[in-house]
Amino acid sequence: MDPSVVLTVGASDSSGGSGIQADLRTLAAMRMHGASVVTAVVSRNTRGTTDVYPQPTTVVSGQLGSVLDDLPVAAVKTGMFPNPDTAIAVAARARSGALPNLVVDPVLTTGGDPRAAGASRRGLAAALERLLPHALVATPNREEASLLVGWEVVTPDDMAKAAAQLAAGGPRYVVVTGGDFVAAGDAIDVLWADGAARLLHSPRVSSRNTDGSGATFATAVAARLTLGDDPAEAVAWSKGFVGRAISDAADWRIGAGTGPIDQFGWSALTLR
């Protein structure tokens, strides 16, 4: 039986912790074939990002066309877009119906002058609004949700309201991830599905190594959709997968800062 083909669209991370590298490790751990479209090349390590080199829109579109013209893509996950034009180009493909089981991780990170970061993020958020209506699942964190809805998202109640607002604009399922928000020792995410909000609890894992956790989560959701999970099931499974990946890497010392997680901690026997 052929493996499922999942396409990831996002940035290449020189440290190997996040972006395309985290996506492809996740898919390999889940015994799937990962194809990739690189939107930017990022110079970074565990201590932070130094440069972002956007790929020309024609290069991104060319990669996307080559993959879609040949490979039987069963799901697509998008991550970082370095500028609005790139997001708009991918949105055009989504609008044509060419991106099945689309999971959008709206990474609102841009390169360039930090003084222009606010305007750049607002422009990118506006461009993502063209892509989100075509997504089956969107997975913003609290900061990204705040930029997309236009007000600060802090508490679980805020997360639920933001998820509902985003779902009204297109995605049928929205997960607002809580990041470092902890209640009674649990990490809290909020899933909007079927017109209602659901709080997702999991034990908080204490680790300095969390790089790539958001990318891993969104990619795992896309991968599980190809196995027949409904989106709510895919989200729940992926939350557990990420928690285990963080836990298994808790003792790693790769670099001086925030290190990567271990997507290969689970046996293949637990994946299906």
C-alpha atoms as a PDB file:
ATOM      1  CA  MET A   1       0.000   0.000   0.000  1.00  0.00           C
ATOM      2  CA  ASP A   2       1.343   3.400  -0.947  1.00  0.00           C
ATOM      3  CA  PRO A   3       1.955   5.908   1.839  1.00  0.00           C
ATOM      4  CA  SER A   4      -0.226   8.993   2.043  1.00  0.00           C
ATOM      5  CA  VAL A   5       1.307  12.068   0.418  1.00  0.00           C
ATOM      6  CA  VAL A   6       1.166  15.245   2.488  1.00  0.00           C
ATOM      7  CA  LEU A   7       2.433  18.561   1.118  1.00  0.00           C
ATOM      8  CA  THR A   8       3.926  21.133   3.451  1.00  0.00           C
ATOM      9  CA  VAL A   9       4.318  24.761   2.386  1.00  0.00           C
ATOM     10  CA  GLY A  10       6.587  26.888   4.554  1.00  0.00           C
ATOM     11  CA  ALA A  11      10.067  28.058   5.481  1.00  0.00           C
ATOM     12  CA  SER A  12      13.304  26.106   5.641  1.00  0.00           C
ATOM     13  CA  ASP A  13      14.900  26.426   9.089  1.00  0.00           C
ATOM     14  CA  SER A  14      18.704  26.169   9.143  1.00  0.00           C
ATOM     15  CA  SER A  15      18.661  24.805  12.704  1.00  0.00           C
ATOM     16  CA  GLY A  16      16.359  21.943  11.739  1.00  0.00           C
ATOM     17  CA  GLY A  17      14.009  22.599  14.643  1.00  0.00           C
ATOM     18  CA  SER A  18      10.940  24.103  13.021  1.00  0.00           C
ATOM     19  CA  GLY A  19       9.374  24.849   9.648  1.00  0.00           C
ATOM     20  CA  ILE A  20       9.728  22.418   6.759  1.00  0.00           C
ATOM     21  CA  GLN A  21      12.258  20.330   8.682  1.00  0.00           C
ATOM     22  CA  ALA A  22       9.864  19.723  11.590  1.00  0.00           C
ATOM     23  CA  ASP A  23       7.046  18.984   9.150  1.00  0.00           C
ATOM     24  CA  LEU A  24       9.027  16.365   7.235  1.00  0.00           C
ATOM     25  CA  ARG A  25      10.234  14.690  10.439  1.00  0.00           C
ATOM     26  CA  THR A  26       6.634  14.471  11.620  1.00  0.00           C
ATOM     27  CA  LEU A  27       5.509  12.881   8.369  1.00  0.00           C
ATOM     28  CA  ALA A  28       8.422  10.432   8.378  1.00  0.00           C
ATOM     29  CA  ALA A  29       7.564   9.429  11.949  1.00  0.00           C
ATOM     30  CA  MET A  30       3.992   8.807  10.809  1.00  0.00           C
ATOM     31  CA  ARG A  31       5.175   6.689   7.853  1.00  0.00           C
ATOM     32  CA  MET A  32       3.946   9.160   5.251  1.00  0.00           C
ATOM     33  CA  HIS A  33       5.570  10.743   2.213  1.00  0.00           C
ATOM     34  CA  GLY A  34       6.251  14.427   2.680  1.00  0.00           C
ATOM     35  CA  ALA A  35       6.512  16.816  -0.254  1.00  0.00           C
ATOM     36  CA  SER A  36       7.572  20.409   0.322  1.00  0.00           C
ATOM     37  CA  VAL A  37       7.321  23.902  -1.105  1.00  0.00           C
ATOM     38  CA  VAL A  38       9.858  26.318   0.380  1.00  0.00           C
ATOM     39  CA  THR A  39       8.542  29.869   0.816  1.00  0.00           C
ATOM     40  CA  ALA A  40      11.616  31.278   2.568  1.00  0.00           C
ATOM     41  CA  VAL A  41      15.073  30.306   3.770  1.00  0.00           C
ATOM     42  CA  VAL A  42      15.550  31.247   7.417  1.00  0.00           C
ATOM     43  CA  SER A  43      18.898  31.705   9.157  1.00  0.00           C
ATOM     44  CA  ARG A  44      18.277  30.721  12.754  1.00  0.00           C
ATOM     45  CA  ASN A  45      19.480  28.609  15.641  1.00  0.00           C
ATOM     46  CA  THR A  46      18.108  27.697  19.051  1.00  0.00           C
ATOM     47  CA  ARG A  47      18.687  31.271  20.246  1.00  0.00           C
ATOM     48  CA  GLY A  48      16.639  32.987  17.558  1.00  0.00           C
ATOM     49  CA  THR A  49      16.324  34.152  13.962  1.00  0.00           C
ATOM     50  CA  THR A  50      18.929  36.350  12.305  1.00  0.00           C
ATOM     51  CA  ASP A  51      17.670  36.588   8.714  1.00  0.00           C
ATOM     52  CA  VAL A  52      14.713  35.626   6.544  1.00  0.00           C
ATOM     53  CA  TYR A  53      15.240  35.269   2.798  1.00  0.00           C
ATOM     54  CA  PRO A  54      11.876  35.166   0.992  1.00  0.00           C
ATOM     55  CA  GLN A  55      11.694  33.072  -2.147  1.00  0.00           C
ATOM     56  CA  PRO A  56      10.273  34.848  -5.209  1.00  0.00           C
ATOM     57  CA  THR A  57       6.588  34.234  -5.732  1.00  0.00           C
ATOM     58  CA  THR A  58       7.361  32.653  -9.110  1.00  0.00           C
ATOM     59  CA  VAL A  59       9.655  30.145  -7.393  1.00  0.00           C
ATOM     60  CA  VAL A  60       6.990  29.252  -4.832  1.00  0.00           C
ATOM     61  CA  SER A  61       4.331  28.899  -7.527  1.00  0.00           C
ATOM     62  CA  GLY A  62       6.683  26.770  -9.625  1.00  0.00           C
ATOM     63  CA  GLN A  63       7.341  24.350  -6.776  1.00  0.00           C
ATOM     64  CA  LEU A  64       3.645  24.135  -5.992  1.00  0.00           C
ATOM     65  CA  GLY A  65       2.719  23.446  -9.593  1.00  0.00           C
ATOM     66  CA  SER A  66       5.361  20.744  -9.991  1.00  0.00           C
ATOM     67  CA  VAL A  67       4.148  18.833  -6.944  1.00  0.00           C
ATOM     68  CA  LEU A  68       0.440  19.137  -7.695  1.00  0.00           C
ATOM     69  CA  ASP A  69       0.880  18.164 -11.350  1.00  0.00           C
ATOM     70  CA  ASP A  70       2.289  14.760 -10.439  1.00  0.00           C
ATOM     71  CA  LEU A  71       1.948  13.634  -6.820  1.00  0.00           C
ATOM     72  CA  PRO A  72      -1.372  12.364  -5.368  1.00  0.00           C
ATOM     73  CA  VAL A  73      -1.473  14.931  -2.579  1.00  0.00           C
ATOM     74  CA  ALA A  74      -4.010  13.914   0.078  1.00  0.00           C
ATOM     75  CA  ALA A  75      -3.536  16.833   2.473  1.00  0.00           C
ATOM     76  CA  VAL A  76      -1.740  20.177   2.609  1.00  0.00           C
ATOM     77  CA  LYS A  77      -0.313  22.076   5.559  1.00  0.00           C
ATOM     78  CA  THR A  78       0.826  25.689   5.236  1.00  0.00           C
ATOM     79  CA  GLY A  79       3.161  27.436   7.649  1.00  0.00           C
ATOM     80  CA  MET A  80       5.230  30.577   7.281  1.00  0.00           C
ATOM     81  CA  PHE A  81       4.645  32.995   4.424  1.00  0.00           C
ATOM     82  CA  PRO A  82       7.362  35.679   4.337  1.00  0.00           C
ATOM     83  CA  ASN A  83       5.160  38.274   2.642  1.00  0.00           C
ATOM     84  CA  PRO A  84       1.561  38.832   1.522  1.00  0.00           C
ATOM     85  CA  ASP A  85       2.244  38.061  -2.161  1.00  0.00           C
ATOM     86  CA  THR A  86       3.327  34.514  -1.381  1.00  0.00           C
ATOM     87  CA  ALA A  87       0.238  33.869   0.730  1.00  0.00           C
ATOM     88  CA  ILE A  88      -1.992  35.275  -2.004  1.00  0.00           C
ATOM     89  CA  ALA A  89      -0.375  33.017  -4.630  1.00  0.00           C
ATOM     90  CA  VAL A  90      -1.045  29.915  -2.534  1.00  0.00           C
ATOM     91  CA  ALA A  91      -4.572  31.136  -1.780  1.00  0.00           C
ATOM     92  CA  ALA A  92      -5.241  31.251  -5.521  1.00  0.00           C
ATOM     93  CA  ARG A  93      -4.397  27.541  -5.748  1.00  0.00           C
ATOM     94  CA  ALA A  94      -6.608  26.805  -2.764  1.00  0.00           C
ATOM     95  CA  ARG A  95      -9.471  28.714  -4.346  1.00  0.00           C
ATOM     96  CA  SER A  96      -9.262  26.430  -7.391  1.00  0.00           C
ATOM     97  CA  GLY A  97      -9.754  23.387  -5.160  1.00  0.00           C
ATOM     98  CA  ALA A  98      -6.216  22.074  -5.673  1.00  0.00           C
ATOM     99  CA  LEU A  99      -5.282  21.889  -1.968  1.00  0.00           C
ATOM    100  CA  PRO A 100      -7.248  19.046  -0.299  1.00  0.00           C
ATOM    101  CA  ASN A 101      -7.634  18.747   3.476  1.00  0.00           C
ATOM    102  CA  LEU A 102      -5.957  22.121   3.919  1.00  0.00           C
ATOM    103  CA  VAL A 103      -4.573  22.872   7.385  1.00  0.00           C
ATOM    104  CA  VAL A 104      -3.403  26.473   7.843  1.00  0.00           C
ATOM    105  CA  ASP A 105      -0.902  27.262  10.578  1.00  0.00           C
ATOM    106  CA  PRO A 106      -0.929  31.082  10.283  1.00  0.00           C
ATOM    107  CA  VAL A 107       2.682  31.827  11.234  1.00  0.00           C
ATOM    108  CA  LEU A 108       2.816  35.620  11.374  1.00  0.00           C
ATOM    109  CA  THR A 109       6.579  36.055  11.142  1.00  0.00           C
ATOM    110  CA  THR A 110       8.358  38.297   8.667  1.00  0.00           C
ATOM    111  CA  GLY A 111      11.911  39.360   8.011  1.00  0.00           C
ATOM    112  CA  GLY A 112      13.351  42.811   7.539  1.00  0.00           C
ATOM    113  CA  ASP A 113      13.470  45.913   9.705  1.00  0.00           C
ATOM    114  CA  PRO A 114      11.966  45.189  13.160  1.00  0.00           C
ATOM    115  CA  ARG A 115      10.461  48.686  13.139  1.00  0.00           C
ATOM    116  CA  ALA A 116       8.274  47.627  10.229  1.00  0.00           C
ATOM    117  CA  ALA A 117       7.248  44.338  11.823  1.00  0.00           C
ATOM    118  CA  GLY A 118       3.845  45.597  12.964  1.00  0.00           C
ATOM    119  CA  ALA A 119       2.828  46.813   9.518  1.00  0.00           C
ATOM    120  CA  SER A 120       4.260  43.669   7.897  1.00  0.00           C
ATOM    121  CA  ARG A 121       2.300  41.407  10.211  1.00  0.00           C
ATOM    122  CA  ARG A 122      -0.903  43.322   9.561  1.00  0.00           C
ATOM    123  CA  GLY A 123      -0.355  43.006   5.820  1.00  0.00           C
ATOM    124  CA  LEU A 124       0.336  39.298   6.124  1.00  0.00           C
ATOM    125  CA  ALA A 125      -2.730  38.805   8.314  1.00  0.00           C
ATOM    126  CA  ALA A 126      -4.830  40.513   5.627  1.00  0.00           C
ATOM    127  CA  ALA A 127      -3.383  38.195   2.977  1.00  0.00           C
ATOM    128  CA  LEU A 128      -4.050  35.130   5.123  1.00  0.00           C
ATOM    129  CA  GLU A 129      -7.696  36.142   5.228  1.00  0.00           C
ATOM    130  CA  ARG A 130      -7.785  35.096   1.560  1.00  0.00           C
ATOM    131  CA  LEU A 131      -6.420  31.649   2.396  1.00  0.00           C
ATOM    132  CA  LEU A 132      -8.336  30.851   5.571  1.00  0.00           C
ATOM    133  CA  PRO A 133     -11.775  30.503   3.905  1.00  0.00           C
ATOM    134  CA  HIS A 134     -10.391  27.511   1.990  1.00  0.00           C
ATOM    135  CA  ALA A 135      -8.954  25.777   5.067  1.00  0.00           C
ATOM    136  CA  LEU A 136     -10.577  22.786   6.692  1.00  0.00           C
ATOM    137  CA  VAL A 137      -8.607  23.449   9.890  1.00  0.00           C
ATOM    138  CA  ALA A 138      -6.760  26.534  11.147  1.00  0.00           C
ATOM    139  CA  THR A 139      -4.315  26.319  14.071  1.00  0.00           C
ATOM    140  CA  PRO A 140      -3.316  29.802  15.308  1.00  0.00           C
ATOM    141  CA  ASN A 141      -1.670  30.338  18.664  1.00  0.00           C
ATOM    142  CA  ARG A 142      -2.944  33.108  20.933  1.00  0.00           C
ATOM    143  CA  GLU A 143      -0.654  35.769  19.457  1.00  0.00           C
ATOM    144  CA  GLU A 144      -1.560  34.851  15.892  1.00  0.00           C
ATOM    145  CA  ALA A 145      -5.251  34.725  16.757  1.00  0.00           C
ATOM    146  CA  SER A 146      -4.963  38.204  18.276  1.00  0.00           C
ATOM    147  CA  LEU A 147      -3.550  39.613  15.042  1.00  0.00           C
ATOM    148  CA  LEU A 148      -6.139  37.860  12.903  1.00  0.00           C
ATOM    149  CA  VAL A 149      -9.181  38.963  14.933  1.00  0.00           C
ATOM    150  CA  GLY A 150      -7.877  42.433  15.819  1.00  0.00           C
ATOM    151  CA  TRP A 151      -8.036  42.210  19.621  1.00  0.00           C
ATOM    152  CA  GLU A 152      -5.918  40.620  22.348  1.00  0.00           C
ATOM    153  CA  VAL A 153      -6.558  36.953  23.048  1.00  0.00           C
ATOM    154  CA  VAL A 154      -5.497  36.017  26.586  1.00  0.00           C
ATOM    155  CA  THR A 155      -7.870  33.686  28.451  1.00  0.00           C
ATOM    156  CA  PRO A 156      -9.606  30.459  27.388  1.00  0.00           C
ATOM    157  CA  ASP A 157     -12.823  32.474  27.003  1.00  0.00           C
ATOM    158  CA  ASP A 158     -10.956  34.814  24.654  1.00  0.00           C
ATOM    159  CA  MET A 159      -9.603  31.818  22.761  1.00  0.00           C
ATOM    160  CA  ALA A 160     -13.127  30.462  22.295  1.00  0.00           C
ATOM    161  CA  LYS A 161     -14.442  33.815  21.051  1.00  0.00           C
ATOM    162  CA  ALA A 162     -11.509  34.211  18.671  1.00  0.00           C
ATOM    163  CA  ALA A 163     -11.984  30.691  17.333  1.00  0.00           C
ATOM    164  CA  ALA A 164     -15.661  31.405  16.676  1.00  0.00           C
ATOM    165  CA  GLN A 165     -14.806  34.673  14.919  1.00  0.00           C
ATOM    166  CA  LEU A 166     -12.223  32.986  12.702  1.00  0.00           C
ATOM    167  CA  ALA A 167     -14.560  30.094  11.907  1.00  0.00           C
ATOM    168  CA  ALA A 168     -17.180  32.582  10.762  1.00  0.00           C
ATOM    169  CA  GLY A 169     -14.682  33.673   8.101  1.00  0.00           C
ATOM    170  CA  GLY A 170     -14.200  30.263   6.551  1.00  0.00           C
ATOM    171  CA  PRO A 171     -12.382  27.392   8.320  1.00  0.00           C
ATOM    172  CA  ARG A 172     -14.846  24.789   9.577  1.00  0.00           C
ATOM    173  CA  TYR A 173     -12.543  23.902  12.457  1.00  0.00           C
ATOM    174  CA  VAL A 174     -10.311  26.290  14.387  1.00  0.00           C
ATOM    175  CA  VAL A 175      -7.876  25.369  17.147  1.00  0.00           C
ATOM    176  CA  VAL A 176      -6.449  28.260  19.163  1.00  0.00           C
ATOM    177  CA  THR A 177      -3.445  26.855  20.965  1.00  0.00           C
ATOM    178  CA  GLY A 178      -2.713  28.199  24.411  1.00  0.00           C
ATOM    179  CA  GLY A 179       1.063  27.948  24.328  1.00  0.00           C
ATOM    180  CA  ASP A 180       2.331  28.771  27.811  1.00  0.00           C
ATOM    181  CA  PHE A 181      -1.176  29.287  29.241  1.00  0.00           C
ATOM    182  CA  VAL A 182      -1.627  26.802  32.089  1.00  0.00           C
ATOM    183  CA  ALA A 183      -4.701  26.133  34.253  1.00  0.00           C
ATOM    184  CA  ALA A 184      -4.508  23.709  37.187  1.00  0.00           C
ATOM    185  CA  GLY A 185      -1.330  22.227  35.735  1.00  0.00           C
ATOM    186  CA  ASP A 186      -2.873  21.584  32.312  1.00  0.00           C
ATOM    187  CA  ALA A 187      -2.017  23.096  28.949  1.00  0.00           C
ATOM    188  CA  ILE A 188      -5.221  24.471  27.419  1.00  0.00           C
ATOM    189  CA  ASP A 189      -6.199  24.667  23.761  1.00  0.00           C
ATOM    190  CA  VAL A 190      -9.638  25.555  22.412  1.00  0.00           C
ATOM    191  CA  LEU A 191     -11.266  23.782  19.469  1.00  0.00           C
ATOM    192  CA  TRP A 192     -14.186  25.330  17.600  1.00  0.00           C
ATOM    193  CA  ALA A 193     -16.171  22.618  15.844  1.00  0.00           C
ATOM    194  CA  ASP A 194     -19.793  22.211  14.794  1.00  0.00           C
ATOM    195  CA  GLY A 195     -20.766  25.612  16.146  1.00  0.00           C
ATOM    196  CA  ALA A 196     -19.393  25.138  19.653  1.00  0.00           C
ATOM    197  CA  ALA A 197     -16.160  25.594  21.584  1.00  0.00           C
ATOM    198  CA  ARG A 198     -14.454  22.709  23.328  1.00  0.00           C
ATOM    199  CA  LEU A 199     -11.591  23.028  25.812  1.00  0.00           C
ATOM    200  CA  LEU A 200      -8.777  20.548  25.265  1.00  0.00           C
ATOM    201  CA  HIS A 201      -6.742  19.727  28.373  1.00  0.00           C
ATOM    202  CA  SER A 202      -3.415  17.933  28.564  1.00  0.00           C
ATOM    203  CA  PRO A 203      -0.742  17.731  31.258  1.00  0.00           C
ATOM    204  CA  ARG A 204       1.723  20.595  31.001  1.00  0.00           C
ATOM    205  CA  VAL A 205       5.195  19.304  30.058  1.00  0.00           C
ATOM    206  CA  SER A 206       8.058  21.311  31.530  1.00  0.00           C
ATOM    207  CA  SER A 207      10.857  21.536  28.964  1.00  0.00           C
ATOM    208  CA  ARG A 208      13.042  24.162  27.372  1.00  0.00           C
ATOM    209  CA  ASN A 209      12.774  22.180  24.129  1.00  0.00           C
ATOM    210  CA  THR A 210       9.599  23.194  22.325  1.00  0.00           C
ATOM    211  CA  ASP A 211      10.899  24.437  18.969  1.00  0.00           C
ATOM    212  CA  GLY A 212       8.719  23.189  16.133  1.00  0.00           C
ATOM    213  CA  SER A 213       5.813  22.153  18.344  1.00  0.00           C
ATOM    214  CA  GLY A 214       3.302  24.301  16.432  1.00  0.00           C
ATOM    215  CA  ALA A 215       4.512  23.051  13.052  1.00  0.00           C
ATOM    216  CA  THR A 216       4.448  19.467  14.286  1.00  0.00           C
ATOM    217  CA  PHE A 217       0.900  19.840  15.590  1.00  0.00           C
ATOM    218  CA  ALA A 218      -0.518  21.262  12.355  1.00  0.00           C
ATOM    219  CA  THR A 219       1.318  18.711  10.211  1.00  0.00           C
ATOM    220  CA  ALA A 220       0.108  15.834  12.367  1.00  0.00           C
ATOM    221  CA  VAL A 221      -3.468  17.095  11.985  1.00  0.00           C
ATOM    222  CA  ALA A 222      -3.095  17.111   8.191  1.00  0.00           C
ATOM    223  CA  ALA A 223      -1.563  13.640   8.257  1.00  0.00           C
ATOM    224  CA  ARG A 224      -4.315  12.167  10.409  1.00  0.00           C
ATOM    225  CA  LEU A 225      -6.948  13.548   8.045  1.00  0.00           C
ATOM    226  CA  THR A 226      -5.504  11.325   5.304  1.00  0.00           C
ATOM    227  CA  LEU A 227      -6.097   8.288   7.540  1.00  0.00           C
ATOM    228  CA  GLY A 228      -9.811   9.040   7.778  1.00  0.00           C
ATOM    229  CA  ASP A 229      -9.945  10.871  11.104  1.00  0.00           C
ATOM    230  CA  ASP A 230     -12.553  13.585  11.326  1.00  0.00           C
ATOM    231  CA  PRO A 231     -10.930  16.939  12.173  1.00  0.00           C
ATOM    232  CA  ALA A 232     -11.816  16.800  15.872  1.00  0.00           C
ATOM    233  CA  GLU A 233     -10.256  13.335  16.161  1.00  0.00           C
ATOM    234  CA  ALA A 234      -7.187  14.502  14.243  1.00  0.00           C
ATOM    235  CA  VAL A 235      -6.761  17.474  16.574  1.00  0.00           C
ATOM    236  CA  ALA A 236      -7.060  15.364  19.730  1.00  0.00           C
ATOM    237  CA  TRP A 237      -4.587  12.763  18.476  1.00  0.00           C
ATOM    238  CA  SER A 238      -2.113  15.429  17.367  1.00  0.00           C
ATOM    239  CA  LYS A 239      -2.246  17.213  20.714  1.00  0.00           C
ATOM    240  CA  GLY A 240      -1.192  13.977  22.393  1.00  0.00           C
ATOM    241  CA  PHE A 241       1.516  13.388  19.794  1.00  0.00           C
ATOM    242  CA  VAL A 242       3.063  16.814  20.394  1.00  0.00           C
ATOM    243  CA  GLY A 243       2.931  16.408  24.162  1.00  0.00           C
ATOM    244  CA  ARG A 244       4.829  13.137  23.873  1.00  0.00           C
ATOM    245  CA  ALA A 245       7.340  14.689  21.438  1.00  0.00           C
ATOM    246  CA  ILE A 246       8.076  17.503  23.902  1.00  0.00           C
ATOM    247  CA  SER A 247       8.360  15.096  26.826  1.00  0.00           C
ATOM    248  CA  ASP A 248      10.716  12.743  24.994  1.00  0.00           C
ATOM    249  CA  ALA A 249      13.100  15.613  24.177  1.00  0.00           C
ATOM    250  CA  ALA A 250      13.021  17.232  27.620  1.00  0.00           C
ATOM    251  CA  ASP A 251      16.572  16.127  28.460  1.00  0.00           C
ATOM    252  CA  TRP A 252      18.105  17.047  25.110  1.00  0.00           C
ATOM    253  CA  ARG A 253      20.772  19.740  24.976  1.00  0.00           C
ATOM    254  CA  ILE A 254      20.954  20.717  21.332  1.00  0.00           C
ATOM    255  CA  GLY A 255      22.143  24.320  21.261  1.00  0.00           C
ATOM    256  CA  ALA A 256      22.093  26.951  23.979  1.00  0.00           C
ATOM    257  CA  GLY A 257      18.459  28.006  23.615  1.00  0.00           C
ATOM    258  CA  THR A 258      15.071  26.479  22.780  1.00  0.00           C
ATOM    259  CA  GLY A 259      15.799  23.092  21.269  1.00  0.00           C
ATOM    260  CA  PRO A 260      13.813  20.772  18.994  1.00  0.00           C
ATOM    261  CA  ILE A 261      11.313  18.106  19.975  1.00  0.00           C
ATOM    262  CA  ASP A 262      11.393  14.360  19.311  1.00  0.00           C
ATOM    263  CA  GLN A 263       8.778  13.397  16.746  1.00  0.00           C
ATOM    264  CA  PHE A 264      10.065   9.804  16.659  1.00  0.00           C
ATOM    265  CA  GLY A 265       9.321   8.997  20.296  1.00  0.00           C
ATOM    266  CA  TRP A 266       6.159   7.023  19.554  1.00  0.00           C
ATOM    267  CA  SER A 267       6.340   3.542  18.110  1.00  0.00           C
ATOM    268  CA  ALA A 268       4.833   3.041  14.681  1.00  0.00           C
ATOM    269  CA  LEU A 269       2.421   0.633  16.366  1.00  0.00           C
ATOM    270  CA  THR A 270       0.677   3.571  18.047  1.00  0.00           C
ATOM    271  CA  LEU A 271       0.197   5.634  14.904  1.00  0.00           C
ATOM    272  CA  ARG A 272      -2.888   3.972  13.427  1.00  0.00           C
END
